[in-house]
């Protein structure tokens, strides 16, 4: 067989074995998520300050969104983001949150400027990747806020009375974010927060 014919056959076989990648294929997430933006406008009702930015349900759409919005540590004072499962609003009064609480991570100003966006990104990846394992269904979303004296990240759970789930979610957060003694982290029940009674548990 002529060399040119052999080459044609080899080229044909390579094309069969190595098809061109289809970049139009996206990787679905287990849940659909909605990103919200909040701003501190004292002239408006708190709920009116919450605005939906976008909803996504694929890995690619998440990164497309995340890479084109302002970083959380670059937000203006009083601004913030919230990522919640689609259909759940980032507020205590939502039916999915009324019995819940939040793991609250507080960063001082110096650490806010350095680590807030890194922590927020890791929290988002935990959420959309169902990184809390069997307890992922108990998480409704997360919130980040930039304050004058620092920054806050809250990971919201749906039922504060599910003690084992709450503790394991907190441990996973502490492990994934490499949270040390220089960062304050505690769990607050929404009802207690509304009544201004403060935090009800701490993770050691």
C-alpha atoms as a PDB file:
ATOM      1  CA  UNK A   1       0.000   0.000   0.000  1.00  0.00           C
ATOM      2  CA  UNK A   2       1.344   3.427  -0.897  1.00  0.00           C
ATOM      3  CA  UNK A   3       2.623   5.591   1.926  1.00  0.00           C
ATOM      4  CA  UNK A   4       0.214   8.381   1.042  1.00  0.00           C
ATOM      5  CA  UNK A   5      -2.764   5.999   1.396  1.00  0.00           C
ATOM      6  CA  UNK A   6      -1.503   4.751   4.778  1.00  0.00           C
ATOM      7  CA  UNK A   7      -1.253   8.354   5.972  1.00  0.00           C
ATOM      8  CA  UNK A   8      -4.826   9.011   4.854  1.00  0.00           C
ATOM      9  CA  UNK A   9      -6.042   5.979   6.807  1.00  0.00           C
ATOM     10  CA  UNK A  10      -4.092   7.052   9.930  1.00  0.00           C
ATOM     11  CA  UNK A  11      -5.514  10.568   9.719  1.00  0.00           C
ATOM     12  CA  UNK A  12      -9.017   9.133   9.403  1.00  0.00           C
ATOM     13  CA  UNK A  13      -8.501   6.924  12.471  1.00  0.00           C
ATOM     14  CA  UNK A  14      -7.194   9.857  14.514  1.00  0.00           C
ATOM     15  CA  UNK A  15     -10.279  11.899  13.668  1.00  0.00           C
ATOM     16  CA  UNK A  16     -12.520   9.034  14.767  1.00  0.00           C
ATOM     17  CA  UNK A  17     -10.698   8.535  18.084  1.00  0.00           C
ATOM     18  CA  UNK A  18     -10.156  12.220  18.938  1.00  0.00           C
ATOM     19  CA  UNK A  19     -13.343  14.155  18.193  1.00  0.00           C
ATOM     20  CA  UNK A  20     -13.265  17.892  18.671  1.00  0.00           C
ATOM     21  CA  UNK A  21     -14.429  18.930  22.168  1.00  0.00           C
ATOM     22  CA  UNK A  22     -17.912  20.387  22.398  1.00  0.00           C
ATOM     23  CA  UNK A  23     -17.487  23.593  24.389  1.00  0.00           C
ATOM     24  CA  UNK A  24     -21.227  24.214  24.280  1.00  0.00           C
ATOM     25  CA  UNK A  25     -21.820  21.429  26.822  1.00  0.00           C
ATOM     26  CA  UNK A  26     -22.311  22.801  30.349  1.00  0.00           C
ATOM     27  CA  UNK A  27     -22.063  21.018  33.685  1.00  0.00           C
ATOM     28  CA  UNK A  28     -25.307  21.138  35.639  1.00  0.00           C
ATOM     29  CA  UNK A  29     -25.439  21.864  39.357  1.00  0.00           C
ATOM     30  CA  UNK A  30     -27.651  19.913  41.722  1.00  0.00           C
ATOM     31  CA  UNK A  31     -29.569  23.089  42.563  1.00  0.00           C
ATOM     32  CA  UNK A  32     -30.408  26.359  40.857  1.00  0.00           C
ATOM     33  CA  UNK A  33     -28.988  29.417  42.644  1.00  0.00           C
ATOM     34  CA  UNK A  34     -29.849  33.120  42.640  1.00  0.00           C
ATOM     35  CA  UNK A  35     -27.365  35.897  43.358  1.00  0.00           C
ATOM     36  CA  UNK A  36     -28.685  38.996  45.135  1.00  0.00           C
ATOM     37  CA  UNK A  37     -27.161  42.428  45.695  1.00  0.00           C
ATOM     38  CA  UNK A  38     -27.980  44.581  48.727  1.00  0.00           C
ATOM     39  CA  UNK A  39     -27.246  48.199  49.542  1.00  0.00           C
ATOM     40  CA  UNK A  40     -27.787  50.181  52.704  1.00  0.00           C
ATOM     41  CA  UNK A  41     -30.386  52.764  51.751  1.00  0.00           C
ATOM     42  CA  UNK A  42     -31.979  53.962  54.989  1.00  0.00           C
ATOM     43  CA  UNK A  43     -34.740  55.723  53.050  1.00  0.00           C
ATOM     44  CA  UNK A  44     -36.044  52.410  51.672  1.00  0.00           C
ATOM     45  CA  UNK A  45     -37.517  49.326  53.289  1.00  0.00           C
ATOM     46  CA  UNK A  46     -34.885  46.631  53.922  1.00  0.00           C
ATOM     47  CA  UNK A  47     -36.555  44.210  51.501  1.00  0.00           C
ATOM     48  CA  UNK A  48     -36.533  46.887  48.799  1.00  0.00           C
ATOM     49  CA  UNK A  49     -32.751  47.083  49.090  1.00  0.00           C
ATOM     50  CA  UNK A  50     -32.420  43.466  47.939  1.00  0.00           C
ATOM     51  CA  UNK A  51     -32.086  43.095  44.189  1.00  0.00           C
ATOM     52  CA  UNK A  52     -31.806  39.924  42.151  1.00  0.00           C
ATOM     53  CA  UNK A  53     -28.772  39.934  39.872  1.00  0.00           C
ATOM     54  CA  UNK A  54     -28.969  36.569  38.105  1.00  0.00           C
ATOM     55  CA  UNK A  55     -29.978  32.919  38.424  1.00  0.00           C
ATOM     56  CA  UNK A  56     -27.782  30.049  37.269  1.00  0.00           C
ATOM     57  CA  UNK A  57     -27.682  26.239  37.405  1.00  0.00           C
ATOM     58  CA  UNK A  58     -24.383  25.315  35.711  1.00  0.00           C
ATOM     59  CA  UNK A  59     -20.732  25.543  36.709  1.00  0.00           C
ATOM     60  CA  UNK A  60     -19.879  27.624  33.654  1.00  0.00           C
ATOM     61  CA  UNK A  61     -22.635  30.170  34.297  1.00  0.00           C
ATOM     62  CA  UNK A  62     -21.477  30.532  37.901  1.00  0.00           C
ATOM     63  CA  UNK A  63     -17.918  31.419  36.872  1.00  0.00           C
ATOM     64  CA  UNK A  64     -19.150  33.718  34.123  1.00  0.00           C
ATOM     65  CA  UNK A  65     -21.158  35.613  36.730  1.00  0.00           C
ATOM     66  CA  UNK A  66     -18.578  35.550  39.529  1.00  0.00           C
ATOM     67  CA  UNK A  67     -15.776  36.791  37.290  1.00  0.00           C
ATOM     68  CA  UNK A  68     -17.787  39.779  36.052  1.00  0.00           C
ATOM     69  CA  UNK A  69     -19.049  41.299  39.289  1.00  0.00           C
ATOM     70  CA  UNK A  70     -17.220  43.509  41.774  1.00  0.00           C
ATOM     71  CA  UNK A  71     -15.186  41.583  44.332  1.00  0.00           C
ATOM     72  CA  UNK A  72     -16.775  41.490  47.783  1.00  0.00           C
ATOM     73  CA  UNK A  73     -13.819  43.242  49.438  1.00  0.00           C
ATOM     74  CA  UNK A  74     -14.123  46.063  46.886  1.00  0.00           C
ATOM     75  CA  UNK A  75     -17.787  46.813  47.608  1.00  0.00           C
ATOM     76  CA  UNK A  76     -18.728  50.131  49.156  1.00  0.00           C
ATOM     77  CA  UNK A  77     -19.559  50.318  52.847  1.00  0.00           C
ATOM     78  CA  UNK A  78     -22.935  48.743  53.576  1.00  0.00           C
ATOM     79  CA  UNK A  79     -23.115  46.810  50.319  1.00  0.00           C
ATOM     80  CA  UNK A  80     -23.235  43.043  50.041  1.00  0.00           C
ATOM     81  CA  UNK A  81     -24.120  39.924  48.095  1.00  0.00           C
ATOM     82  CA  UNK A  82     -26.293  36.937  48.894  1.00  0.00           C
ATOM     83  CA  UNK A  83     -26.422  33.565  47.137  1.00  0.00           C
ATOM     84  CA  UNK A  84     -29.501  31.463  47.898  1.00  0.00           C
ATOM     85  CA  UNK A  85     -31.193  28.465  46.407  1.00  0.00           C
ATOM     86  CA  UNK A  86     -33.621  29.755  43.814  1.00  0.00           C
ATOM     87  CA  UNK A  87     -37.014  30.413  45.378  1.00  0.00           C
ATOM     88  CA  UNK A  88     -35.577  31.348  48.795  1.00  0.00           C
ATOM     89  CA  UNK A  89     -35.211  35.037  49.595  1.00  0.00           C
ATOM     90  CA  UNK A  90     -32.216  36.233  51.662  1.00  0.00           C
ATOM     91  CA  UNK A  91     -34.316  37.261  54.630  1.00  0.00           C
ATOM     92  CA  UNK A  92     -35.389  35.797  57.946  1.00  0.00           C
ATOM     93  CA  UNK A  93     -39.074  36.036  57.073  1.00  0.00           C
ATOM     94  CA  UNK A  94     -38.811  33.616  54.151  1.00  0.00           C
ATOM     95  CA  UNK A  95     -40.569  30.342  54.954  1.00  0.00           C
ATOM     96  CA  UNK A  96     -37.362  28.358  54.392  1.00  0.00           C
ATOM     97  CA  UNK A  97     -35.479  30.490  56.939  1.00  0.00           C
ATOM     98  CA  UNK A  98     -37.941  31.175  59.759  1.00  0.00           C
ATOM     99  CA  UNK A  99     -36.739  28.184  61.844  1.00  0.00           C
ATOM    100  CA  UNK A 100     -33.109  28.572  60.873  1.00  0.00           C
ATOM    101  CA  UNK A 101     -29.950  30.376  61.829  1.00  0.00           C
ATOM    102  CA  UNK A 102     -26.551  31.266  60.475  1.00  0.00           C
ATOM    103  CA  UNK A 103     -22.896  30.585  61.006  1.00  0.00           C
ATOM    104  CA  UNK A 104     -21.458  34.093  61.206  1.00  0.00           C
ATOM    105  CA  UNK A 105     -17.826  34.802  60.328  1.00  0.00           C
ATOM    106  CA  UNK A 106     -16.509  38.222  61.361  1.00  0.00           C
ATOM    107  CA  UNK A 107     -13.359  39.705  59.858  1.00  0.00           C
ATOM    108  CA  UNK A 108     -11.622  42.781  61.217  1.00  0.00           C
ATOM    109  CA  UNK A 109     -10.796  45.556  58.751  1.00  0.00           C
ATOM    110  CA  UNK A 110      -7.243  44.424  58.014  1.00  0.00           C
ATOM    111  CA  UNK A 111      -8.263  40.822  57.430  1.00  0.00           C
ATOM    112  CA  UNK A 112     -11.367  41.929  55.499  1.00  0.00           C
ATOM    113  CA  UNK A 113      -9.270  43.680  52.882  1.00  0.00           C
ATOM    114  CA  UNK A 114      -6.964  40.670  52.617  1.00  0.00           C
ATOM    115  CA  UNK A 115      -9.259  37.648  52.936  1.00  0.00           C
ATOM    116  CA  UNK A 116     -12.935  38.555  52.530  1.00  0.00           C
ATOM    117  CA  UNK A 117     -13.167  37.763  48.832  1.00  0.00           C
ATOM    118  CA  UNK A 118     -11.145  34.549  49.221  1.00  0.00           C
ATOM    119  CA  UNK A 119     -13.442  33.357  52.032  1.00  0.00           C
ATOM    120  CA  UNK A 120     -16.544  34.342  50.071  1.00  0.00           C
ATOM    121  CA  UNK A 121     -15.412  32.415  46.992  1.00  0.00           C
ATOM    122  CA  UNK A 122     -14.766  29.287  49.062  1.00  0.00           C
ATOM    123  CA  UNK A 123     -18.207  29.579  50.655  1.00  0.00           C
ATOM    124  CA  UNK A 124     -19.821  29.872  47.216  1.00  0.00           C
ATOM    125  CA  UNK A 125     -17.979  26.785  45.986  1.00  0.00           C
ATOM    126  CA  UNK A 126     -19.134  24.875  49.057  1.00  0.00           C
ATOM    127  CA  UNK A 127     -22.722  25.900  48.329  1.00  0.00           C
ATOM    128  CA  UNK A 128     -22.952  25.150  44.622  1.00  0.00           C
ATOM    129  CA  UNK A 129     -20.793  22.026  44.924  1.00  0.00           C
ATOM    130  CA  UNK A 130     -22.939  20.585  47.737  1.00  0.00           C
ATOM    131  CA  UNK A 131     -19.758  20.587  49.797  1.00  0.00           C
ATOM    132  CA  UNK A 132     -21.533  20.054  53.113  1.00  0.00           C
ATOM    133  CA  UNK A 133     -22.159  16.448  52.034  1.00  0.00           C
ATOM    134  CA  UNK A 134     -25.290  14.926  53.578  1.00  0.00           C
ATOM    135  CA  UNK A 135     -26.019  18.234  55.315  1.00  0.00           C
ATOM    136  CA  UNK A 136     -26.074  20.316  52.113  1.00  0.00           C
ATOM    137  CA  UNK A 137     -29.879  20.143  51.936  1.00  0.00           C
ATOM    138  CA  UNK A 138     -30.013  21.948  55.285  1.00  0.00           C
ATOM    139  CA  UNK A 139     -28.232  25.026  53.879  1.00  0.00           C
ATOM    140  CA  UNK A 140     -30.363  27.714  52.226  1.00  0.00           C
ATOM    141  CA  UNK A 141     -27.670  30.191  51.222  1.00  0.00           C
ATOM    142  CA  UNK A 142     -25.008  32.660  52.310  1.00  0.00           C
ATOM    143  CA  UNK A 143     -24.531  36.416  52.693  1.00  0.00           C
ATOM    144  CA  UNK A 144     -21.464  38.660  52.591  1.00  0.00           C
ATOM    145  CA  UNK A 145     -21.384  42.298  53.758  1.00  0.00           C
ATOM    146  CA  UNK A 146     -18.684  44.940  53.802  1.00  0.00           C
ATOM    147  CA  UNK A 147     -18.796  47.093  56.919  1.00  0.00           C
ATOM    148  CA  UNK A 148     -16.827  50.116  58.131  1.00  0.00           C
ATOM    149  CA  UNK A 149     -14.956  48.123  60.769  1.00  0.00           C
ATOM    150  CA  UNK A 150     -14.690  44.837  58.890  1.00  0.00           C
ATOM    151  CA  UNK A 151     -16.578  42.232  56.912  1.00  0.00           C
ATOM    152  CA  UNK A 152     -19.162  39.554  57.615  1.00  0.00           C
ATOM    153  CA  UNK A 153     -20.060  36.254  55.977  1.00  0.00           C
ATOM    154  CA  UNK A 154     -23.117  34.324  57.094  1.00  0.00           C
ATOM    155  CA  UNK A 155     -23.964  30.771  56.011  1.00  0.00           C
ATOM    156  CA  UNK A 156     -27.671  30.188  56.606  1.00  0.00           C
ATOM    157  CA  UNK A 157     -29.176  26.887  57.709  1.00  0.00           C
ATOM    158  CA  UNK A 158     -32.871  26.034  57.485  1.00  0.00           C
ATOM    159  CA  UNK A 159     -33.410  24.485  60.921  1.00  0.00           C
ATOM    160  CA  UNK A 160     -31.454  25.636  63.970  1.00  0.00           C
ATOM    161  CA  UNK A 161     -32.752  22.658  65.946  1.00  0.00           C
ATOM    162  CA  UNK A 162     -30.870  20.159  63.769  1.00  0.00           C
ATOM    163  CA  UNK A 163     -27.905  20.318  66.115  1.00  0.00           C
ATOM    164  CA  UNK A 164     -25.748  17.670  64.427  1.00  0.00           C
ATOM    165  CA  UNK A 165     -26.230  19.238  61.006  1.00  0.00           C
ATOM    166  CA  UNK A 166     -25.498  22.745  62.321  1.00  0.00           C
ATOM    167  CA  UNK A 167     -22.281  21.618  64.017  1.00  0.00           C
ATOM    168  CA  UNK A 168     -21.054  19.650  60.994  1.00  0.00           C
ATOM    169  CA  UNK A 169     -21.741  22.575  58.658  1.00  0.00           C
ATOM    170  CA  UNK A 170     -19.717  24.797  60.993  1.00  0.00           C
ATOM    171  CA  UNK A 171     -16.853  22.325  61.136  1.00  0.00           C
ATOM    172  CA  UNK A 172     -16.753  22.040  57.361  1.00  0.00           C
ATOM    173  CA  UNK A 173     -16.633  25.837  57.074  1.00  0.00           C
ATOM    174  CA  UNK A 174     -13.821  26.130  59.569  1.00  0.00           C
ATOM    175  CA  UNK A 175     -11.882  23.360  57.843  1.00  0.00           C
ATOM    176  CA  UNK A 176     -12.374  24.609  54.285  1.00  0.00           C
ATOM    177  CA  UNK A 177     -11.636  28.268  55.074  1.00  0.00           C
ATOM    178  CA  UNK A 178      -8.698  27.430  57.393  1.00  0.00           C
ATOM    179  CA  UNK A 179     -10.235  29.639  60.056  1.00  0.00           C
ATOM    180  CA  UNK A 180      -7.877  30.292  62.953  1.00  0.00           C
ATOM    181  CA  UNK A 181      -8.126  31.976  66.325  1.00  0.00           C
ATOM    182  CA  UNK A 182      -7.824  35.417  64.753  1.00  0.00           C
ATOM    183  CA  UNK A 183     -11.287  35.074  63.167  1.00  0.00           C
ATOM    184  CA  UNK A 184     -14.535  35.125  65.166  1.00  0.00           C
ATOM    185  CA  UNK A 185     -17.073  32.489  64.169  1.00  0.00           C
ATOM    186  CA  UNK A 186     -20.329  31.722  65.965  1.00  0.00           C
ATOM    187  CA  UNK A 187     -23.821  30.407  65.310  1.00  0.00           C
ATOM    188  CA  UNK A 188     -26.880  32.625  65.688  1.00  0.00           C
ATOM    189  CA  UNK A 189     -30.524  31.607  65.592  1.00  0.00           C
ATOM    190  CA  UNK A 190     -32.488  34.038  63.419  1.00  0.00           C
ATOM    191  CA  UNK A 191     -35.246  34.401  66.006  1.00  0.00           C
ATOM    192  CA  UNK A 192     -32.715  35.265  68.692  1.00  0.00           C
ATOM    193  CA  UNK A 193     -31.029  37.753  66.389  1.00  0.00           C
ATOM    194  CA  UNK A 194     -34.335  39.444  65.693  1.00  0.00           C
ATOM    195  CA  UNK A 195     -34.935  39.677  69.426  1.00  0.00           C
ATOM    196  CA  UNK A 196     -31.389  41.000  69.853  1.00  0.00           C
ATOM    197  CA  UNK A 197     -30.339  38.269  72.245  1.00  0.00           C
ATOM    198  CA  UNK A 198     -27.134  37.496  70.332  1.00  0.00           C
ATOM    199  CA  UNK A 199     -25.249  34.327  69.484  1.00  0.00           C
ATOM    200  CA  UNK A 200     -26.291  30.991  70.986  1.00  0.00           C
ATOM    201  CA  UNK A 201     -23.371  28.718  70.153  1.00  0.00           C
ATOM    202  CA  UNK A 202     -19.694  28.791  69.379  1.00  0.00           C
ATOM    203  CA  UNK A 203     -17.483  26.318  67.559  1.00  0.00           C
ATOM    204  CA  UNK A 204     -14.153  25.581  69.208  1.00  0.00           C
END
